[in-house]
């Protein structure tokens, strides 16, 4: 019986330990995906000035694990010129910010963003004899070029996502129908140039930028944790009763 009690205690402590861990987040999924084959158009803004973005809102907390842009299925559509005003290496920048108001200029997008990442295709930049496997971006969901970021947790609320293109020759936009991840809804979108003031067009199918999400890691093992604590309390109570009974018997 004593051995059984010891094993039970050890097992319960194991449950508590497991329950203290946080399960890894679910596999990343696209926040937005086309319902069919997208119809691509090329941005005609001057190099370094064209950009497009979307507004979205979420009714649940989620974790952003990657940012990307629509490249119509080809990484060669990632810009090979640096963004105007960023002083960056060749590529496109994707920004995410909070609020239901669209920034009205490139500088406003940059200054008010919560986080961002630069997308660049090393293979397109270095030229021969390039190593085919070297690339900062990867093709995701057939049509998108993505780069991973340090996970960022967004609470429920309103947000915007923007892409600033490095050049006009590769900037791809589609107004095809899309579907969104559960908990995220689109509220508007627009494209413009640095020389024009941008406003919400009401077109929720303009892409543009995109993001990968994973369910915010919840303490999914809390039931194990709570159960383990409960078992420890139960076993502790039984041990106290046994000690009390033993003390009474020897009195």
C-alpha atoms as a PDB file:
ATOM      1  CA  UNK A   1       0.000   0.000   0.000  1.00  0.00           C
ATOM      2  CA  UNK A   2       2.822   2.387   0.842  1.00  0.00           C
ATOM      3  CA  UNK A   3       4.472   1.641  -2.502  1.00  0.00           C
ATOM      4  CA  UNK A   4       1.183   2.327  -4.271  1.00  0.00           C
ATOM      5  CA  UNK A   5       0.838   5.643  -2.466  1.00  0.00           C
ATOM      6  CA  UNK A   6       4.372   6.607  -3.454  1.00  0.00           C
ATOM      7  CA  UNK A   7       3.692   5.703  -7.071  1.00  0.00           C
ATOM      8  CA  UNK A   8       0.474   7.696  -7.018  1.00  0.00           C
ATOM      9  CA  UNK A   9       2.265  10.731  -5.623  1.00  0.00           C
ATOM     10  CA  UNK A  10       5.024  10.457  -8.209  1.00  0.00           C
ATOM     11  CA  UNK A  11       2.455  10.101 -10.992  1.00  0.00           C
ATOM     12  CA  UNK A  12       0.491  13.073  -9.724  1.00  0.00           C
ATOM     13  CA  UNK A  13       3.604  15.234  -9.549  1.00  0.00           C
ATOM     14  CA  UNK A  14       4.266  14.199 -13.143  1.00  0.00           C
ATOM     15  CA  UNK A  15       0.797  15.402 -14.132  1.00  0.00           C
ATOM     16  CA  UNK A  16       1.435  18.702 -12.407  1.00  0.00           C
ATOM     17  CA  UNK A  17       4.722  19.046 -14.258  1.00  0.00           C
ATOM     18  CA  UNK A  18       3.096  18.288 -17.592  1.00  0.00           C
ATOM     19  CA  UNK A  19       0.301  20.702 -16.814  1.00  0.00           C
ATOM     20  CA  UNK A  20       2.815  23.450 -16.083  1.00  0.00           C
ATOM     21  CA  UNK A  21       4.075  23.284 -19.642  1.00  0.00           C
ATOM     22  CA  UNK A  22       2.391  25.205 -22.427  1.00  0.00           C
ATOM     23  CA  UNK A  23       1.592  23.245 -25.526  1.00  0.00           C
ATOM     24  CA  UNK A  24       3.151  24.573 -28.725  1.00  0.00           C
ATOM     25  CA  UNK A  25       0.957  26.739 -30.901  1.00  0.00           C
ATOM     26  CA  UNK A  26      -0.960  25.167 -33.734  1.00  0.00           C
ATOM     27  CA  UNK A  27       0.606  25.072 -37.176  1.00  0.00           C
ATOM     28  CA  UNK A  28       0.634  28.417 -38.943  1.00  0.00           C
ATOM     29  CA  UNK A  29      -2.283  29.146 -41.247  1.00  0.00           C
ATOM     30  CA  UNK A  30      -2.940  31.920 -43.744  1.00  0.00           C
ATOM     31  CA  UNK A  31      -5.144  34.686 -42.402  1.00  0.00           C
ATOM     32  CA  UNK A  32      -6.451  35.268 -45.934  1.00  0.00           C
ATOM     33  CA  UNK A  33      -6.601  32.919 -48.894  1.00  0.00           C
ATOM     34  CA  UNK A  34      -8.130  33.156 -52.342  1.00  0.00           C
ATOM     35  CA  UNK A  35     -11.236  31.085 -52.969  1.00  0.00           C
ATOM     36  CA  UNK A  36     -10.090  30.416 -56.539  1.00  0.00           C
ATOM     37  CA  UNK A  37      -7.376  31.387 -58.952  1.00  0.00           C
ATOM     38  CA  UNK A  38      -6.560  35.077 -58.363  1.00  0.00           C
ATOM     39  CA  UNK A  39      -6.506  37.625 -61.165  1.00  0.00           C
ATOM     40  CA  UNK A  40      -3.226  39.478 -60.838  1.00  0.00           C
ATOM     41  CA  UNK A  41      -2.555  43.041 -61.878  1.00  0.00           C
ATOM     42  CA  UNK A  42       0.744  44.883 -61.651  1.00  0.00           C
ATOM     43  CA  UNK A  43       1.102  48.052 -59.633  1.00  0.00           C
ATOM     44  CA  UNK A  44       1.993  50.923 -61.977  1.00  0.00           C
ATOM     45  CA  UNK A  45       3.401  53.318 -59.376  1.00  0.00           C
ATOM     46  CA  UNK A  46       6.986  54.556 -59.739  1.00  0.00           C
ATOM     47  CA  UNK A  47       9.684  52.321 -58.278  1.00  0.00           C
ATOM     48  CA  UNK A  48       9.728  52.419 -54.507  1.00  0.00           C
ATOM     49  CA  UNK A  49       6.399  54.218 -54.183  1.00  0.00           C
ATOM     50  CA  UNK A  50       3.612  51.743 -54.792  1.00  0.00           C
ATOM     51  CA  UNK A  51       1.819  50.067 -51.920  1.00  0.00           C
ATOM     52  CA  UNK A  52      -1.386  48.309 -51.062  1.00  0.00           C
ATOM     53  CA  UNK A  53      -2.999  47.338 -47.777  1.00  0.00           C
ATOM     54  CA  UNK A  54      -6.036  46.000 -46.012  1.00  0.00           C
ATOM     55  CA  UNK A  55      -7.967  46.579 -42.818  1.00  0.00           C
ATOM     56  CA  UNK A  56      -9.100  43.669 -40.692  1.00  0.00           C
ATOM     57  CA  UNK A  57     -10.522  43.019 -37.280  1.00  0.00           C
ATOM     58  CA  UNK A  58     -10.346  40.037 -35.010  1.00  0.00           C
ATOM     59  CA  UNK A  59     -12.704  38.880 -32.285  1.00  0.00           C
ATOM     60  CA  UNK A  60     -10.056  36.712 -30.674  1.00  0.00           C
ATOM     61  CA  UNK A  61      -6.416  36.899 -29.704  1.00  0.00           C
ATOM     62  CA  UNK A  62      -4.003  35.333 -32.172  1.00  0.00           C
ATOM     63  CA  UNK A  63      -0.284  35.056 -32.811  1.00  0.00           C
ATOM     64  CA  UNK A  64       1.317  36.337 -36.005  1.00  0.00           C
ATOM     65  CA  UNK A  65       4.168  34.062 -37.060  1.00  0.00           C
ATOM     66  CA  UNK A  66       4.926  35.378 -40.553  1.00  0.00           C
ATOM     67  CA  UNK A  67       4.258  38.253 -42.919  1.00  0.00           C
ATOM     68  CA  UNK A  68       3.958  38.016 -46.664  1.00  0.00           C
ATOM     69  CA  UNK A  69       2.703  39.449 -49.921  1.00  0.00           C
ATOM     70  CA  UNK A  70       0.851  38.264 -52.984  1.00  0.00           C
ATOM     71  CA  UNK A  71       3.397  37.344 -55.672  1.00  0.00           C
ATOM     72  CA  UNK A  72       1.065  35.378 -57.973  1.00  0.00           C
ATOM     73  CA  UNK A  73       2.917  32.143 -57.308  1.00  0.00           C
ATOM     74  CA  UNK A  74       6.435  33.296 -58.201  1.00  0.00           C
ATOM     75  CA  UNK A  75       9.208  34.449 -55.870  1.00  0.00           C
ATOM     76  CA  UNK A  76      10.656  36.366 -58.807  1.00  0.00           C
ATOM     77  CA  UNK A  77       7.867  38.891 -58.182  1.00  0.00           C
ATOM     78  CA  UNK A  78       9.531  40.018 -54.960  1.00  0.00           C
ATOM     79  CA  UNK A  79      11.072  43.425 -55.643  1.00  0.00           C
ATOM     80  CA  UNK A  80      14.761  43.627 -56.504  1.00  0.00           C
ATOM     81  CA  UNK A  81      14.985  47.338 -55.697  1.00  0.00           C
ATOM     82  CA  UNK A  82      15.092  48.847 -52.236  1.00  0.00           C
ATOM     83  CA  UNK A  83      12.116  50.684 -50.793  1.00  0.00           C
ATOM     84  CA  UNK A  84      12.235  54.421 -51.212  1.00  0.00           C
ATOM     85  CA  UNK A  85      13.110  56.144 -47.959  1.00  0.00           C
ATOM     86  CA  UNK A  86      13.975  52.975 -46.018  1.00  0.00           C
ATOM     87  CA  UNK A  87      17.657  52.700 -46.894  1.00  0.00           C
ATOM     88  CA  UNK A  88      17.123  48.967 -47.060  1.00  0.00           C
ATOM     89  CA  UNK A  89      18.507  46.243 -49.232  1.00  0.00           C
ATOM     90  CA  UNK A  90      16.346  45.247 -52.212  1.00  0.00           C
ATOM     91  CA  UNK A  91      12.950  43.873 -51.258  1.00  0.00           C
ATOM     92  CA  UNK A  92       9.428  44.670 -50.061  1.00  0.00           C
ATOM     93  CA  UNK A  93       8.369  45.621 -46.541  1.00  0.00           C
ATOM     94  CA  UNK A  94       5.204  44.382 -44.811  1.00  0.00           C
ATOM     95  CA  UNK A  95       3.881  46.339 -41.823  1.00  0.00           C
ATOM     96  CA  UNK A  96       1.137  45.649 -39.266  1.00  0.00           C
ATOM     97  CA  UNK A  97      -0.442  48.388 -37.145  1.00  0.00           C
ATOM     98  CA  UNK A  98      -3.427  48.874 -34.878  1.00  0.00           C
ATOM     99  CA  UNK A  99      -6.543  50.926 -35.438  1.00  0.00           C
ATOM    100  CA  UNK A 100      -9.407  51.225 -37.883  1.00  0.00           C
ATOM    101  CA  UNK A 101      -7.918  54.203 -39.735  1.00  0.00           C
ATOM    102  CA  UNK A 102      -5.699  53.596 -42.737  1.00  0.00           C
ATOM    103  CA  UNK A 103      -2.355  55.458 -42.664  1.00  0.00           C
ATOM    104  CA  UNK A 104      -2.364  58.017 -45.447  1.00  0.00           C
ATOM    105  CA  UNK A 105       1.295  57.929 -46.467  1.00  0.00           C
ATOM    106  CA  UNK A 106       4.323  55.683 -46.651  1.00  0.00           C
ATOM    107  CA  UNK A 107       6.012  57.489 -43.759  1.00  0.00           C
ATOM    108  CA  UNK A 108       2.864  57.155 -41.622  1.00  0.00           C
ATOM    109  CA  UNK A 109       2.793  53.428 -42.270  1.00  0.00           C
ATOM    110  CA  UNK A 110       6.410  53.079 -41.241  1.00  0.00           C
ATOM    111  CA  UNK A 111       6.182  55.217 -38.109  1.00  0.00           C
ATOM    112  CA  UNK A 112       2.936  53.797 -36.723  1.00  0.00           C
ATOM    113  CA  UNK A 113       3.511  50.081 -37.362  1.00  0.00           C
ATOM    114  CA  UNK A 114       3.571  47.661 -34.450  1.00  0.00           C
ATOM    115  CA  UNK A 115       5.972  45.342 -36.254  1.00  0.00           C
ATOM    116  CA  UNK A 116       7.278  44.654 -39.748  1.00  0.00           C
ATOM    117  CA  UNK A 117       9.563  42.486 -41.842  1.00  0.00           C
ATOM    118  CA  UNK A 118      11.458  42.916 -45.084  1.00  0.00           C
ATOM    119  CA  UNK A 119      10.827  40.349 -47.790  1.00  0.00           C
ATOM    120  CA  UNK A 120      13.680  39.739 -50.185  1.00  0.00           C
ATOM    121  CA  UNK A 121      14.640  36.955 -52.507  1.00  0.00           C
ATOM    122  CA  UNK A 122      18.379  36.357 -52.173  1.00  0.00           C
ATOM    123  CA  UNK A 123      18.417  34.306 -55.340  1.00  0.00           C
ATOM    124  CA  UNK A 124      17.092  37.222 -57.369  1.00  0.00           C
ATOM    125  CA  UNK A 125      19.584  39.644 -55.851  1.00  0.00           C
ATOM    126  CA  UNK A 126      22.929  37.860 -55.972  1.00  0.00           C
ATOM    127  CA  UNK A 127      22.648  36.521 -59.519  1.00  0.00           C
ATOM    128  CA  UNK A 128      24.805  33.701 -60.955  1.00  0.00           C
ATOM    129  CA  UNK A 129      26.280  31.583 -59.592  1.00  0.00           C
ATOM    130  CA  UNK A 130      23.535  31.764 -56.994  1.00  0.00           C
ATOM    131  CA  UNK A 131      22.721  28.846 -54.738  1.00  0.00           C
ATOM    132  CA  UNK A 132      19.065  27.961 -55.470  1.00  0.00           C
ATOM    133  CA  UNK A 133      18.307  27.098 -51.857  1.00  0.00           C
ATOM    134  CA  UNK A 134      19.262  30.555 -50.573  1.00  0.00           C
ATOM    135  CA  UNK A 135      16.186  32.719 -50.193  1.00  0.00           C
ATOM    136  CA  UNK A 136      14.812  34.837 -47.384  1.00  0.00           C
ATOM    137  CA  UNK A 137      11.258  34.213 -48.532  1.00  0.00           C
ATOM    138  CA  UNK A 138       9.389  31.001 -49.190  1.00  0.00           C
ATOM    139  CA  UNK A 139       6.317  30.326 -51.291  1.00  0.00           C
ATOM    140  CA  UNK A 140       3.295  29.654 -49.079  1.00  0.00           C
ATOM    141  CA  UNK A 141      -0.220  28.717 -50.087  1.00  0.00           C
ATOM    142  CA  UNK A 142       0.659  28.778 -53.812  1.00  0.00           C
ATOM    143  CA  UNK A 143       0.410  32.536 -54.311  1.00  0.00           C
ATOM    144  CA  UNK A 144       2.260  34.167 -51.403  1.00  0.00           C
ATOM    145  CA  UNK A 145       5.871  34.983 -50.514  1.00  0.00           C
ATOM    146  CA  UNK A 146       6.395  34.818 -46.755  1.00  0.00           C
ATOM    147  CA  UNK A 147       9.114  35.484 -44.215  1.00  0.00           C
ATOM    148  CA  UNK A 148       8.946  34.245 -40.640  1.00  0.00           C
ATOM    149  CA  UNK A 149       9.008  36.751 -37.789  1.00  0.00           C
ATOM    150  CA  UNK A 150       9.426  36.580 -34.043  1.00  0.00           C
ATOM    151  CA  UNK A 151       5.866  35.671 -32.980  1.00  0.00           C
ATOM    152  CA  UNK A 152       3.716  38.695 -32.152  1.00  0.00           C
ATOM    153  CA  UNK A 153       0.509  38.304 -30.141  1.00  0.00           C
ATOM    154  CA  UNK A 154      -2.386  40.544 -31.199  1.00  0.00           C
ATOM    155  CA  UNK A 155      -5.365  40.971 -28.910  1.00  0.00           C
ATOM    156  CA  UNK A 156      -8.846  41.162 -30.369  1.00  0.00           C
ATOM    157  CA  UNK A 157      -9.413  44.470 -32.110  1.00  0.00           C
ATOM    158  CA  UNK A 158      -8.879  46.435 -35.325  1.00  0.00           C
ATOM    159  CA  UNK A 159      -5.662  46.311 -37.349  1.00  0.00           C
ATOM    160  CA  UNK A 160      -4.227  47.223 -40.731  1.00  0.00           C
ATOM    161  CA  UNK A 161      -1.594  45.442 -42.776  1.00  0.00           C
ATOM    162  CA  UNK A 162       0.409  47.103 -45.531  1.00  0.00           C
ATOM    163  CA  UNK A 163       3.063  46.208 -48.084  1.00  0.00           C
ATOM    164  CA  UNK A 164       5.471  48.836 -49.428  1.00  0.00           C
ATOM    165  CA  UNK A 165       6.883  47.669 -52.728  1.00  0.00           C
ATOM    166  CA  UNK A 166      10.497  48.109 -53.751  1.00  0.00           C
ATOM    167  CA  UNK A 167       9.642  48.504 -57.415  1.00  0.00           C
ATOM    168  CA  UNK A 168       6.620  48.770 -59.632  1.00  0.00           C
ATOM    169  CA  UNK A 169       7.546  46.038 -62.086  1.00  0.00           C
ATOM    170  CA  UNK A 170       6.922  43.182 -59.658  1.00  0.00           C
ATOM    171  CA  UNK A 171       4.243  44.545 -57.321  1.00  0.00           C
ATOM    172  CA  UNK A 172       1.272  42.187 -57.691  1.00  0.00           C
ATOM    173  CA  UNK A 173      -2.309  43.031 -56.683  1.00  0.00           C
ATOM    174  CA  UNK A 174      -5.446  40.908 -56.927  1.00  0.00           C
ATOM    175  CA  UNK A 175      -9.084  41.796 -56.298  1.00  0.00           C
ATOM    176  CA  UNK A 176     -10.283  38.191 -56.434  1.00  0.00           C
ATOM    177  CA  UNK A 177     -12.640  36.765 -53.815  1.00  0.00           C
ATOM    178  CA  UNK A 178     -11.028  35.579 -50.610  1.00  0.00           C
ATOM    179  CA  UNK A 179     -11.808  33.673 -47.456  1.00  0.00           C
ATOM    180  CA  UNK A 180     -10.454  34.484 -44.007  1.00  0.00           C
ATOM    181  CA  UNK A 181      -9.327  32.508 -41.014  1.00  0.00           C
ATOM    182  CA  UNK A 182     -11.960  32.003 -38.338  1.00  0.00           C
ATOM    183  CA  UNK A 183     -12.094  35.001 -36.011  1.00  0.00           C
ATOM    184  CA  UNK A 184     -10.733  37.450 -38.603  1.00  0.00           C
ATOM    185  CA  UNK A 185     -12.921  39.582 -40.847  1.00  0.00           C
ATOM    186  CA  UNK A 186     -11.908  42.088 -43.525  1.00  0.00           C
ATOM    187  CA  UNK A 187     -13.291  45.602 -43.292  1.00  0.00           C
ATOM    188  CA  UNK A 188     -11.662  47.340 -46.245  1.00  0.00           C
ATOM    189  CA  UNK A 189      -8.649  47.703 -48.469  1.00  0.00           C
ATOM    190  CA  UNK A 190      -6.897  50.052 -50.862  1.00  0.00           C
ATOM    191  CA  UNK A 191      -3.913  50.602 -53.125  1.00  0.00           C
ATOM    192  CA  UNK A 192      -2.251  53.899 -53.918  1.00  0.00           C
ATOM    193  CA  UNK A 193       1.049  55.625 -54.591  1.00  0.00           C
ATOM    194  CA  UNK A 194       3.164  57.818 -52.388  1.00  0.00           C
ATOM    195  CA  UNK A 195       1.873  60.857 -54.244  1.00  0.00           C
ATOM    196  CA  UNK A 196      -1.774  60.128 -53.507  1.00  0.00           C
ATOM    197  CA  UNK A 197      -3.665  60.240 -50.229  1.00  0.00           C
ATOM    198  CA  UNK A 198      -5.023  56.825 -49.332  1.00  0.00           C
ATOM    199  CA  UNK A 199      -8.413  56.107 -47.852  1.00  0.00           C
ATOM    200  CA  UNK A 200     -10.581  53.099 -47.195  1.00  0.00           C
ATOM    201  CA  UNK A 201     -12.125  52.022 -50.495  1.00  0.00           C
ATOM    202  CA  UNK A 202     -14.460  49.518 -48.893  1.00  0.00           C
ATOM    203  CA  UNK A 203     -13.035  46.838 -51.177  1.00  0.00           C
ATOM    204  CA  UNK A 204     -12.281  43.946 -48.860  1.00  0.00           C
ATOM    205  CA  UNK A 205     -10.741  41.798 -51.571  1.00  0.00           C
ATOM    206  CA  UNK A 206      -7.613  43.773 -52.478  1.00  0.00           C
ATOM    207  CA  UNK A 207      -4.317  41.907 -51.921  1.00  0.00           C
ATOM    208  CA  UNK A 208      -1.687  42.830 -51.266  1.00  0.00           C
ATOM    209  CA  UNK A 209      -0.246  41.854 -47.943  1.00  0.00           C
ATOM    210  CA  UNK A 210      -1.051  38.839 -45.819  1.00  0.00           C
ATOM    211  CA  UNK A 211      -0.069  37.218 -42.549  1.00  0.00           C
ATOM    212  CA  UNK A 212       0.342  33.764 -41.087  1.00  0.00           C
ATOM    213  CA  UNK A 213      -1.225  33.070 -37.735  1.00  0.00           C
ATOM    214  CA  UNK A 214      -1.141  30.409 -35.088  1.00  0.00           C
ATOM    215  CA  UNK A 215      -3.576  29.989 -32.241  1.00  0.00           C
ATOM    216  CA  UNK A 216      -2.226  31.870 -29.235  1.00  0.00           C
ATOM    217  CA  UNK A 217      -0.764  29.138 -26.995  1.00  0.00           C
ATOM    218  CA  UNK A 218      -3.349  28.627 -24.305  1.00  0.00           C
ATOM    219  CA  UNK A 219      -2.585  26.679 -21.136  1.00  0.00           C
ATOM    220  CA  UNK A 220      -4.314  23.707 -22.739  1.00  0.00           C
ATOM    221  CA  UNK A 221      -2.863  21.442 -20.075  1.00  0.00           C
ATOM    222  CA  UNK A 222      -4.543  23.360 -17.254  1.00  0.00           C
ATOM    223  CA  UNK A 223      -6.999  20.494 -16.719  1.00  0.00           C
ATOM    224  CA  UNK A 224      -4.030  18.186 -16.124  1.00  0.00           C
ATOM    225  CA  UNK A 225      -2.435  20.770 -13.889  1.00  0.00           C
ATOM    226  CA  UNK A 226      -5.594  21.286 -11.850  1.00  0.00           C
ATOM    227  CA  UNK A 227      -6.269  17.572 -11.739  1.00  0.00           C
ATOM    228  CA  UNK A 228      -2.748  16.913 -10.541  1.00  0.00           C
ATOM    229  CA  UNK A 229      -3.083  19.481  -7.789  1.00  0.00           C
ATOM    230  CA  UNK A 230      -6.403  17.976  -6.787  1.00  0.00           C
ATOM    231  CA  UNK A 231      -4.908  14.499  -6.584  1.00  0.00           C
ATOM    232  CA  UNK A 232      -2.024  15.796  -4.491  1.00  0.00           C
ATOM    233  CA  UNK A 233      -4.514  17.403  -2.120  1.00  0.00           C
ATOM    234  CA  UNK A 234      -6.535  14.180  -1.893  1.00  0.00           C
ATOM    235  CA  UNK A 235      -3.476  12.039  -1.271  1.00  0.00           C
ATOM    236  CA  UNK A 236      -2.191  14.565   1.274  1.00  0.00           C
ATOM    237  CA  UNK A 237      -5.499  14.392   3.133  1.00  0.00           C
ATOM    238  CA  UNK A 238      -5.414  10.586   3.185  1.00  0.00           C
ATOM    239  CA  UNK A 239      -1.868  10.573   4.489  1.00  0.00           C
ATOM    240  CA  UNK A 240      -2.802  12.992   7.259  1.00  0.00           C
ATOM    241  CA  UNK A 241      -5.746  10.777   8.245  1.00  0.00           C
ATOM    242  CA  UNK A 242      -3.516   7.690   8.311  1.00  0.00           C
ATOM    243  CA  UNK A 243      -0.974   9.459  10.491  1.00  0.00           C
ATOM    244  CA  UNK A 244      -3.749  10.626  12.811  1.00  0.00           C
ATOM    245  CA  UNK A 245      -5.167   7.074  13.011  1.00  0.00           C
ATOM    246  CA  UNK A 246      -1.716   5.617  13.658  1.00  0.00           C
ATOM    247  CA  UNK A 247      -1.090   8.159  16.415  1.00  0.00           C
ATOM    248  CA  UNK A 248      -4.443   7.314  18.041  1.00  0.00           C
ATOM    249  CA  UNK A 249      -3.727   3.563  17.880  1.00  0.00           C
ATOM    250  CA  UNK A 250      -0.384   3.931  19.616  1.00  0.00           C
ATOM    251  CA  UNK A 251      -1.670   6.341  22.256  1.00  0.00           C
END
